Protein backbone atom coordinates (compact mmCIF):
# COMPACT_ATOMS: atom_id res chain seq x y z
CA UNK A 1 -0.66 -27.23 -0.15
CA UNK A 2 -0.53 -25.85 3.37
CA UNK A 3 -2.85 -23.11 4.59
CA UNK A 4 -1.88 -20.50 7.16
CA UNK A 5 -4.11 -18.00 8.89
CA UNK A 6 -2.90 -14.60 9.98
CA UNK A 7 -4.83 -12.14 12.07
CA UNK A 8 -3.70 -8.60 11.44
CA UNK A 9 -5.26 -5.17 11.62
CA UNK A 10 -3.92 -2.32 9.45
CA UNK A 11 -2.53 0.59 11.48
CA UNK A 12 -4.69 3.04 9.51
CA UNK A 13 -8.12 3.03 7.86
CA UNK A 14 -8.98 3.40 4.18
CA UNK A 15 -12.78 3.34 4.10
CA UNK A 16 -14.39 3.17 0.65
CA UNK A 17 -11.28 4.17 -1.26
CA UNK A 18 -11.91 5.79 -4.64
CA UNK A 19 -10.22 8.31 -6.93
CA UNK A 20 -10.29 11.74 -5.33
CA UNK A 21 -10.59 10.34 -1.80
CA UNK A 22 -8.75 12.50 0.74
CA UNK A 23 -7.59 11.83 4.24
CA UNK A 24 -4.93 10.78 6.71
CA UNK A 25 -5.20 7.13 5.63
CA UNK A 26 -4.37 8.04 2.04
CA UNK A 27 -1.45 10.18 3.25
CA UNK A 28 -0.10 7.24 5.29
CA UNK A 29 -0.48 4.97 2.25
CA UNK A 30 1.51 7.47 0.17
CA UNK A 31 4.21 7.65 2.86
CA UNK A 32 4.59 3.86 2.83
CA UNK A 33 4.75 3.82 -0.96
CA UNK A 34 7.34 6.61 -0.84
CA UNK A 35 9.47 4.49 1.54
CA UNK A 36 9.51 1.70 -1.06
CA UNK A 37 10.78 4.15 -3.70
CA UNK A 38 7.73 3.60 -5.90
CA UNK A 39 6.04 6.94 -5.16
CA UNK A 40 8.14 10.03 -5.84
CA UNK A 41 5.40 12.64 -5.52
CA UNK A 42 4.55 14.90 -2.58
CA UNK A 43 2.41 13.29 0.09
CA UNK A 44 -0.88 15.16 -0.32
CA UNK A 45 -3.42 12.69 1.09
CA UNK A 46 -5.37 12.53 -2.20
CA UNK A 47 -5.88 9.17 -3.93
CA UNK A 48 -5.18 9.83 -7.60
CA UNK A 49 -3.51 8.32 -10.63
CA UNK A 50 0.04 8.51 -9.31
CA UNK A 51 -0.90 6.79 -6.06
CA UNK A 52 -2.80 4.15 -8.04
CA UNK A 53 0.21 3.54 -10.33
CA UNK A 54 2.53 3.23 -7.33
CA UNK A 55 0.23 0.62 -5.80
CA UNK A 56 0.18 -1.27 -9.13
CA UNK A 57 3.98 -1.24 -9.21
CA UNK A 58 4.18 -2.46 -5.60
CA UNK A 59 1.67 -5.24 -6.26
CA UNK A 60 3.63 -6.34 -9.34
CA UNK A 61 6.90 -6.35 -7.37
CA UNK A 62 5.31 -8.56 -4.71
CA UNK A 63 3.61 -10.97 -7.11
CA UNK A 64 0.15 -9.83 -6.02
CA UNK A 65 -2.88 -9.39 -8.29
CA UNK A 66 -2.52 -5.94 -9.88
CA UNK A 67 -5.63 -3.94 -8.97
CA UNK A 68 -4.14 -0.57 -8.05
CA UNK A 69 -6.11 -0.60 -4.81
CA UNK A 70 -4.70 -1.51 -1.39
CA UNK A 71 -6.43 -4.80 -0.61
CA UNK A 72 -5.56 -6.53 2.70
CA UNK A 73 -2.60 -8.49 1.24
CA UNK A 74 -1.17 -5.34 -0.34
CA UNK A 75 -1.52 -3.35 2.88
CA UNK A 76 0.03 -6.13 4.94
CA UNK A 77 3.10 -6.39 2.70
CA UNK A 78 3.37 -2.62 2.37
CA UNK A 79 3.25 -2.13 6.14
CA UNK A 80 5.89 -4.83 6.62
CA UNK A 81 8.16 -3.93 3.71
CA UNK A 82 10.39 -1.85 6.01
CA UNK A 83 10.94 -4.89 8.26
CA UNK A 84 11.82 -7.05 5.24
CA UNK A 85 14.29 -4.45 3.96
CA UNK A 86 15.99 -4.31 7.37
CA UNK A 87 16.49 -8.10 7.35
CA UNK A 88 17.70 -8.36 3.72
C-alpha cells in the first residue's frame, strides 16, 4: 500500500467544536454543507443537530468514518467538493 502526505490548512477555524458552539467557522461549515445539498437549513452559525446530521451524511457519502464532527479529512473533502463537482 502506498502512502501519500498532504499539507493543507483549512481556510477557516473550528476551535473546540461542540453542540451549541457559535461563530463564523460554523457558519462557513454550514455554507459548505449547503453547497453539497446535504444541509437545507438557514445558515445561522450554530453547531446543532441538523449541522451534525449533515456532516454525518457527507462523511457517509465520502466513505469516511461517521463521527458527525468535521475532522481534517472531512474538512479537506468538504472544502474541495466544489472542485470535484466542477470536474465531474
